């Protein structure tokens, strides 16, 4: 009898938990809710496994078995619903990035707040890597319903999803770079944001594993190209115009927050500027 009462109590508690999970699943989706969905998904998945083990070890009475089966089906249904919601949240995240192009450039070409937000979000999401991989596999039809241009279906689902998010962010940054009328400042912006993304990926074992070494090499090459373009636009073309009797136009208000990139830029610019500047001074 005590065992029967205990099971009834547990079922009552589980039912309350499921009501709460259902309420969470039906709330308005937003990118920030992804991690609540994942926590709830993991809790329900573990609960389902525990109930399955309990049912296997205890035959129980027929009525109790039926009640337990019904509860297990309800847990499975809500778990699937939450997993579907997590997949849709990633779609919402991409759409918000794609449609969230700023109208005003960041002062000085600094790292854009959106870049910081997306990389921190991706880093946190990758900490749920196994859970997200399972969710995407279980929702393959929903995940694969997107056009081939949006996602690489040949890659593992989570890796393809993260790479898609990164691609959308790159497109957004490319558009925002055109807000800078000065071509040199445009490359400072692209270089700073590209370097920030690369550092965040290299600093996270989970993200780097998903993105792969080839992606990191391409990103490094892009950042180097932005550096060369900055040099070309600023000094190779404008050097003679800058060093004149009227004075030198500076870039003191531009922002390079990366502690490693800043001395690299100073060194490369010095190598270009100092020789003709010495000649200018002698003249």
Protein backbone atom coordinates (compact mmCIF):
# COMPACT_ATOMS: atom_id res chain seq x y z
CA UNK A 1 0.00 0.00 0.00
CA UNK A 2 2.80 2.40 0.93
CA UNK A 3 4.44 1.74 -2.44
CA UNK A 4 1.19 2.50 -4.22
CA UNK A 5 0.77 5.79 -2.31
CA UNK A 6 4.36 6.76 -3.07
CA UNK A 7 3.83 6.13 -6.77
CA UNK A 8 0.67 8.25 -6.72
CA UNK A 9 2.57 11.08 -5.06
CA UNK A 10 5.39 10.87 -7.60
CA UNK A 11 2.92 10.86 -10.48
CA UNK A 12 1.21 13.92 -9.01
CA UNK A 13 4.52 15.76 -8.80
CA UNK A 14 5.47 14.73 -12.32
CA UNK A 15 2.12 15.94 -13.62
CA UNK A 16 2.75 19.35 -12.03
CA UNK A 17 6.17 19.43 -13.65
CA UNK A 18 4.67 18.59 -17.02
CA UNK A 19 2.11 21.38 -16.65
CA UNK A 20 4.96 23.79 -16.04
CA UNK A 21 6.96 22.40 -19.00
CA UNK A 22 3.91 22.71 -21.26
CA UNK A 23 3.46 26.32 -20.17
CA UNK A 24 7.12 27.05 -20.95
CA UNK A 25 6.80 25.42 -24.37
CA UNK A 26 3.79 27.55 -25.26
CA UNK A 27 5.37 30.89 -24.30
CA UNK A 28 6.46 33.29 -27.01
CA UNK A 29 9.74 32.15 -28.52
CA UNK A 30 12.85 34.30 -28.22
CA UNK A 31 16.57 33.62 -28.56
CA UNK A 32 17.11 34.08 -24.83
CA UNK A 33 14.61 31.31 -24.01
CA UNK A 34 16.65 28.65 -25.81
CA UNK A 35 18.61 27.72 -22.71
CA UNK A 36 15.47 27.38 -20.58
CA UNK A 37 14.08 25.07 -23.26
CA UNK A 38 17.28 23.02 -23.23
CA UNK A 39 17.34 22.74 -19.43
CA UNK A 40 13.73 21.57 -19.46
CA UNK A 41 14.40 19.16 -22.33
CA UNK A 42 17.30 17.56 -20.47
CA UNK A 43 15.27 17.28 -17.24
CA UNK A 44 12.34 15.61 -19.00
CA UNK A 45 14.63 13.32 -20.98
CA UNK A 46 16.32 12.14 -17.78
CA UNK A 47 12.92 11.71 -16.13
CA UNK A 48 11.70 9.60 -19.04
CA UNK A 49 14.79 7.37 -18.81
CA UNK A 50 14.28 6.93 -15.05
CA UNK A 51 10.64 5.98 -15.48
CA UNK A 52 11.52 3.50 -18.21
CA UNK A 53 14.09 1.83 -15.95
CA UNK A 54 11.59 1.74 -13.08
CA UNK A 55 8.90 0.16 -15.25
CA UNK A 56 11.32 -2.50 -16.48
CA UNK A 57 12.27 -3.52 -12.94
CA UNK A 58 8.75 -3.51 -11.47
CA UNK A 59 5.83 -5.09 -13.23
CA UNK A 60 3.25 -3.52 -10.86
CA UNK A 61 -0.47 -3.84 -11.22
CA UNK A 62 -2.19 -3.48 -14.55
CA UNK A 63 -3.85 -0.20 -13.60
CA UNK A 64 -0.59 1.26 -12.37
CA UNK A 65 1.18 0.12 -15.49
CA UNK A 66 -1.42 1.87 -17.65
CA UNK A 67 -1.08 5.07 -15.62
CA UNK A 68 2.69 4.94 -15.90
CA UNK A 69 2.51 4.36 -19.66
CA UNK A 70 0.15 7.29 -20.09
CA UNK A 71 2.48 9.52 -18.10
CA UNK A 72 5.49 8.37 -20.11
CA UNK A 73 3.69 9.20 -23.34
CA UNK A 74 2.84 12.66 -22.05
CA UNK A 75 6.47 13.25 -21.03
CA UNK A 76 7.62 12.14 -24.47
CA UNK A 77 5.10 14.38 -26.21
CA UNK A 78 6.07 17.51 -24.26
CA UNK A 79 9.79 16.71 -24.64
CA UNK A 80 9.35 16.50 -28.41
CA UNK A 81 7.41 19.76 -28.41
CA UNK A 82 10.16 21.54 -26.48
CA UNK A 83 12.79 20.11 -28.85
CA UNK A 84 10.84 21.41 -31.84
CA UNK A 85 10.68 24.81 -30.16
CA UNK A 86 14.48 24.83 -29.73
CA UNK A 87 14.96 24.21 -33.47
CA UNK A 88 12.58 27.06 -34.28
CA UNK A 89 14.40 29.37 -31.87
CA UNK A 90 17.57 28.94 -33.93
CA UNK A 91 15.60 29.98 -37.01
CA UNK A 92 14.32 33.01 -35.13
CA UNK A 93 17.89 33.87 -34.10
CA UNK A 94 19.08 33.83 -37.69
CA UNK A 95 16.14 35.95 -38.82
CA UNK A 96 16.76 38.49 -36.07
CA UNK A 97 20.42 38.76 -37.10
CA UNK A 98 19.52 39.01 -40.78
CA UNK A 99 16.88 41.68 -40.18
CA UNK A 100 18.80 43.53 -37.47
CA UNK A 101 21.17 45.51 -39.66
CA UNK A 102 22.07 48.71 -37.83
CA UNK A 103 21.38 52.06 -39.45
CA UNK A 104 24.17 53.86 -37.61
CA UNK A 105 27.82 52.73 -37.65
CA UNK A 106 29.64 51.91 -34.43
CA UNK A 107 31.86 54.81 -33.42
CA UNK A 108 35.46 54.38 -34.54
CA UNK A 109 34.90 51.04 -36.31
CA UNK A 110 34.90 49.07 -33.04
CA UNK A 111 33.59 45.52 -32.53
CA UNK A 112 29.83 45.65 -32.98
CA UNK A 113 27.63 44.69 -29.98
CA UNK A 114 25.80 42.21 -32.24
CA UNK A 115 29.08 40.38 -32.89
CA UNK A 116 29.72 40.05 -29.16
CA UNK A 117 26.15 38.91 -28.52
CA UNK A 118 26.12 36.23 -31.24
CA UNK A 119 29.53 34.77 -30.31
CA UNK A 120 28.67 34.63 -26.62
CA UNK A 121 25.31 33.06 -27.51
CA UNK A 122 26.94 30.44 -29.73
CA UNK A 123 29.54 29.65 -27.06
CA UNK A 124 26.82 29.08 -24.48
CA UNK A 125 24.74 27.02 -26.91
CA UNK A 126 27.70 24.76 -27.67
CA UNK A 127 27.87 23.83 -23.99
CA UNK A 128 24.60 21.97 -24.71
CA UNK A 129 26.20 20.36 -27.77
CA UNK A 130 25.09 16.76 -27.20
CA UNK A 131 21.54 17.80 -26.35
CA UNK A 132 21.25 20.10 -29.38
CA UNK A 133 22.67 17.43 -31.68
CA UNK A 134 20.04 15.00 -30.43
CA UNK A 135 17.27 17.58 -30.86
CA UNK A 136 18.26 18.39 -34.45
CA UNK A 137 18.46 14.72 -35.35
CA UNK A 138 15.02 14.05 -33.85
CA UNK A 139 13.60 17.02 -35.76
CA UNK A 140 15.31 16.21 -39.05
CA UNK A 141 12.26 17.00 -41.21
CA UNK A 142 11.79 20.40 -39.62
CA UNK A 143 15.53 21.09 -39.79
CA UNK A 144 15.90 19.95 -43.40
CA UNK A 145 12.88 21.90 -44.62
CA UNK A 146 15.06 24.99 -45.05
CA UNK A 147 16.53 25.73 -48.47
CA UNK A 148 19.98 24.33 -49.35
CA UNK A 149 21.32 27.89 -49.59
CA UNK A 150 20.62 28.44 -45.90
CA UNK A 151 22.24 25.35 -44.42
CA UNK A 152 24.71 22.62 -45.38
CA UNK A 153 22.82 19.36 -45.06
CA UNK A 154 26.02 17.32 -45.58
CA UNK A 155 27.41 18.39 -42.21
CA UNK A 156 26.24 17.20 -38.78
CA UNK A 157 23.10 19.17 -37.86
CA UNK A 158 24.54 21.28 -35.05
CA UNK A 159 27.72 22.16 -36.95
CA UNK A 160 25.68 23.16 -40.00
CA UNK A 161 23.36 25.25 -37.83
CA UNK A 162 26.19 27.13 -36.11
CA UNK A 163 27.95 27.73 -39.43
CA UNK A 164 24.69 29.08 -40.83
CA UNK A 165 24.41 31.52 -37.92
CA UNK A 166 28.00 32.64 -38.52
CA UNK A 167 27.32 33.11 -42.21
CA UNK A 168 24.31 35.31 -41.48
CA UNK A 169 26.40 37.36 -39.05
CA UNK A 170 29.10 37.79 -41.70
CA UNK A 171 26.52 39.06 -44.17
CA UNK A 172 25.18 41.49 -41.61
CA UNK A 173 28.65 42.84 -40.81
CA UNK A 174 29.40 43.22 -44.51
CA UNK A 175 26.29 45.36 -44.97
CA UNK A 176 27.02 47.42 -41.85
CA UNK A 177 30.57 48.08 -43.05
CA UNK A 178 29.12 50.09 -45.96
CA UNK A 179 27.82 52.63 -43.43
CA UNK A 180 31.40 53.89 -43.13
CA UNK A 181 32.09 56.37 -45.89
CA UNK A 182 35.83 56.21 -45.26
CA UNK A 183 37.15 53.00 -46.91
CA UNK A 184 40.01 52.72 -44.40
CA UNK A 185 37.64 52.85 -41.43
CA UNK A 186 35.47 50.28 -43.18
CA UNK A 187 38.38 47.83 -43.17
CA UNK A 188 39.17 48.64 -39.54
CA UNK A 189 35.60 47.63 -38.70
CA UNK A 190 35.76 44.39 -40.71
CA UNK A 191 39.20 43.55 -39.34
CA UNK A 192 38.25 44.18 -35.70
CA UNK A 193 35.03 42.14 -35.93
CA UNK A 194 36.69 39.35 -37.93
CA UNK A 195 39.52 39.12 -35.42
CA UNK A 196 37.06 39.04 -32.50
CA UNK A 197 35.10 36.18 -34.10
CA UNK A 198 38.26 34.20 -34.78
CA UNK A 199 39.51 34.62 -31.21
CA UNK A 200 36.20 33.50 -29.73
CA UNK A 201 36.12 30.42 -31.95
CA UNK A 202 39.74 29.50 -31.19
CA UNK A 203 39.10 30.10 -27.49
CA UNK A 204 36.27 27.58 -27.34
CA UNK A 205 37.05 23.91 -27.90
CA UNK A 206 33.37 23.19 -28.61
CA UNK A 207 32.93 25.90 -31.25
CA UNK A 208 36.26 25.23 -32.95
CA UNK A 209 35.42 21.54 -33.25
CA UNK A 210 32.14 22.40 -34.94
CA UNK A 211 33.57 25.06 -37.27
CA UNK A 212 36.65 23.04 -38.23
CA UNK A 213 40.25 23.97 -39.05
CA UNK A 214 39.44 24.90 -42.65
CA UNK A 215 36.95 27.54 -41.50
CA UNK A 216 39.52 28.97 -39.06
CA UNK A 217 42.17 29.16 -41.79
CA UNK A 218 39.76 30.94 -44.15
CA UNK A 219 38.82 33.37 -41.40
CA UNK A 220 42.49 34.12 -40.67
CA UNK A 221 43.09 34.73 -44.37
CA UNK A 222 40.13 37.12 -44.52
CA UNK A 223 41.40 39.12 -41.55
CA UNK A 224 44.86 39.39 -43.14
CA UNK A 225 43.25 40.59 -46.35
CA UNK A 226 41.32 43.29 -44.45
CA UNK A 227 44.64 44.35 -42.92
CA UNK A 228 46.28 44.64 -46.34
CA UNK A 229 43.28 46.52 -47.73
CA UNK A 230 43.43 48.94 -44.81
CA UNK A 231 47.11 49.61 -45.51
CA UNK A 232 46.46 50.08 -49.20
CA UNK A 233 43.52 52.43 -48.73
CA UNK A 234 45.15 54.47 -45.98
CA UNK A 235 48.80 54.72 -46.91
CA UNK A 236 49.65 53.37 -50.35
CA UNK A 237 47.03 55.61 -52.02
CA UNK A 238 46.88 58.57 -49.63
CA UNK A 239 50.41 58.79 -48.26
CA UNK A 240 51.47 61.68 -50.45
CA UNK A 241 48.23 63.53 -49.67
CA UNK A 242 48.60 63.02 -45.89
CA UNK A 243 52.24 64.07 -45.58
CA UNK A 244 52.05 67.65 -46.85
CA UNK A 245 52.86 71.11 -45.63
CA UNK A 246 49.22 71.43 -44.53
CA UNK A 247 49.71 68.72 -41.92
CA UNK A 248 48.85 65.07 -41.29
CA UNK A 249 45.29 63.81 -40.99
CA UNK A 250 45.12 61.39 -38.05
CA UNK A 251 42.95 58.37 -37.14
CA UNK A 252 43.12 58.89 -33.39
CA UNK A 253 39.36 58.41 -32.86
CA UNK A 254 39.24 55.00 -34.53
CA UNK A 255 39.00 51.95 -32.28
CA UNK A 256 41.03 48.73 -32.29
CA UNK A 257 40.36 47.03 -28.97
CA UNK A 258 42.23 43.79 -29.70
CA UNK A 259 45.49 43.89 -27.71
CA UNK A 260 47.33 41.79 -30.27
CA UNK A 261 45.95 43.42 -33.40
CA UNK A 262 46.77 46.97 -32.30
CA UNK A 263 50.58 46.56 -32.13
CA UNK A 264 50.49 44.58 -35.40
CA UNK A 265 48.74 47.50 -37.09
CA UNK A 266 51.13 50.02 -35.59
CA UNK A 267 54.14 48.01 -36.77
CA UNK A 268 52.80 47.53 -40.29
CA UNK A 269 51.83 51.18 -40.64
CA UNK A 270 55.21 52.31 -39.27
CA UNK A 271 56.97 50.18 -41.88
CA UNK A 272 55.07 52.01 -44.60
CA UNK A 273 55.06 55.52 -43.15
CA UNK A 274 58.48 56.02 -41.56
CA UNK A 275 60.70 55.82 -44.70
CA UNK A 276 58.75 58.40 -46.75
CA UNK A 277 58.21 60.49 -43.63
CA UNK A 278 61.96 60.70 -43.07
CA UNK A 279 62.34 61.80 -46.66
CA UNK A 280 59.61 64.39 -46.12
CA UNK A 281 61.34 65.77 -43.02
CA UNK A 282 64.65 66.02 -44.85
CA UNK A 283 62.97 67.96 -47.64
